[in-house]
């Protein structure tokens, strides 16, 4: 039996720049199918480049934010690439460690996806 008014909370890990385009499509598909879901997408490791202002993916990232997804950048990944906060797409949040954010969300009962 499905609970139609159940709100799903989904934490999505994106760590590989080569897989970012597919991950963005999957996030859009998730929000199309479950528009009431609470979605947080954590970008870290090489995928941190996808949340840099001025890249071809900026429009897709901003679209997800406009649909209610929280987009998160890992400060540790930013530091290893000498990326400053001012280089991020407007509206992207920063956490100290992407992996720590994922662990905390899972401990809170969020559904985990790695894309």
Protein backbone atom coordinates (compact mmCIF):
# COMPACT_ATOMS: atom_id res chain seq x y z
CA UNK A 1 0.00 0.00 0.00
CA UNK A 2 1.44 3.38 -1.05
CA UNK A 3 1.33 6.39 1.18
CA UNK A 4 0.58 9.13 -1.34
CA UNK A 5 1.10 12.03 1.07
CA UNK A 6 4.43 10.77 2.37
CA UNK A 7 7.23 13.30 1.81
CA UNK A 8 10.44 11.70 0.61
CA UNK A 9 13.77 13.22 1.56
CA UNK A 10 16.57 12.30 -0.85
CA UNK A 11 20.28 13.03 -0.51
CA UNK A 12 22.16 12.65 -3.80
CA UNK A 13 25.92 12.28 -4.07
CA UNK A 14 27.64 13.49 -7.25
CA UNK A 15 31.41 13.00 -7.16
CA UNK A 16 32.53 12.33 -10.75
CA UNK A 17 32.61 15.21 -13.23
CA UNK A 18 32.22 12.76 -16.12
CA UNK A 19 28.86 11.67 -14.71
CA UNK A 20 27.46 15.12 -13.87
CA UNK A 21 25.31 15.54 -16.99
CA UNK A 22 23.53 12.23 -16.38
CA UNK A 23 23.17 13.04 -12.69
CA UNK A 24 21.52 16.39 -13.50
CA UNK A 25 19.05 14.63 -15.83
CA UNK A 26 18.28 12.07 -13.12
CA UNK A 27 17.68 14.83 -10.57
CA UNK A 28 15.29 16.56 -12.99
CA UNK A 29 13.50 13.25 -13.59
CA UNK A 30 13.17 12.70 -9.83
CA UNK A 31 11.63 16.14 -9.34
CA UNK A 32 9.30 15.57 -12.32
CA UNK A 33 8.10 12.31 -10.81
CA UNK A 34 8.09 13.45 -7.16
CA UNK A 35 7.70 17.25 -7.13
CA UNK A 36 7.07 17.29 -3.37
CA UNK A 37 10.28 15.42 -2.54
CA UNK A 38 12.89 17.23 -0.47
CA UNK A 39 16.07 16.87 -2.53
CA UNK A 40 19.63 17.80 -1.64
CA UNK A 41 22.43 17.28 -4.16
CA UNK A 42 26.00 17.19 -2.81
CA UNK A 43 28.78 17.94 -5.30
CA UNK A 44 32.30 16.95 -4.28
CA UNK A 45 35.57 15.57 -5.62
CA UNK A 46 35.90 16.34 -9.37
CA UNK A 47 32.15 17.05 -9.70
CA UNK A 48 32.65 20.25 -7.70
CA UNK A 49 33.52 21.87 -11.05
CA UNK A 50 29.84 21.56 -12.06
CA UNK A 51 28.79 24.22 -9.53
CA UNK A 52 31.37 26.74 -10.69
CA UNK A 53 29.77 29.92 -12.07
CA UNK A 54 29.97 30.34 -15.83
CA UNK A 55 30.15 26.66 -16.79
CA UNK A 56 27.81 25.05 -19.33
CA UNK A 57 25.98 23.30 -16.46
CA UNK A 58 25.03 26.51 -14.64
CA UNK A 59 21.56 26.65 -16.21
CA UNK A 60 20.77 23.05 -15.23
CA UNK A 61 21.97 23.61 -11.66
CA UNK A 62 19.92 26.81 -11.37
CA UNK A 63 16.86 24.99 -12.77
CA UNK A 64 17.13 22.38 -10.00
CA UNK A 65 17.38 25.12 -7.38
CA UNK A 66 14.35 26.90 -8.83
CA UNK A 67 12.43 23.65 -8.40
CA UNK A 68 13.34 23.45 -4.72
CA UNK A 69 16.44 21.27 -4.72
CA UNK A 70 19.20 22.32 -2.33
CA UNK A 71 22.56 22.28 -4.12
CA UNK A 72 25.58 21.80 -1.87
CA UNK A 73 29.30 22.23 -2.53
CA UNK A 74 32.00 20.51 -0.44
CA UNK A 75 34.43 23.03 1.05
CA UNK A 76 37.22 20.42 1.14
CA UNK A 77 36.84 19.77 -2.61
CA UNK A 78 36.77 23.51 -3.27
CA UNK A 79 39.98 23.96 -1.28
CA UNK A 80 41.84 21.24 -3.22
CA UNK A 81 40.94 23.05 -6.46
CA UNK A 82 41.66 26.55 -5.13
CA UNK A 83 38.02 27.48 -5.73
CA UNK A 84 36.70 30.46 -3.80
CA UNK A 85 33.12 30.88 -2.59
CA UNK A 86 32.65 33.76 -5.03
CA UNK A 87 33.20 31.30 -7.91
CA UNK A 88 30.10 29.27 -7.04
CA UNK A 89 26.78 29.59 -8.82
CA UNK A 90 24.55 31.95 -6.83
CA UNK A 91 22.43 30.01 -4.35
CA UNK A 92 24.77 27.05 -3.90
CA UNK A 93 25.31 26.20 -0.22
CA UNK A 94 28.65 25.13 1.23
CA UNK A 95 29.31 22.37 3.77
CA UNK A 96 32.64 21.55 5.40
CA UNK A 97 32.75 18.00 4.03
CA UNK A 98 30.43 16.52 1.43
CA UNK A 99 30.81 13.03 2.84
CA UNK A 100 29.96 14.29 6.32
CA UNK A 101 26.79 15.93 5.00
CA UNK A 102 25.76 12.66 3.34
CA UNK A 103 26.36 10.65 6.52
CA UNK A 104 24.37 13.14 8.61
CA UNK A 105 21.43 13.07 6.20
CA UNK A 106 21.41 9.27 6.10
CA UNK A 107 21.41 9.20 9.90
CA UNK A 108 18.34 11.47 9.76
CA UNK A 109 16.57 8.90 7.57
CA UNK A 110 17.11 10.46 4.14
CA UNK A 111 17.15 8.14 1.12
CA UNK A 112 20.64 7.97 -0.41
CA UNK A 113 21.39 7.97 -4.14
CA UNK A 114 24.79 8.05 -5.77
CA UNK A 115 24.65 9.34 -9.33
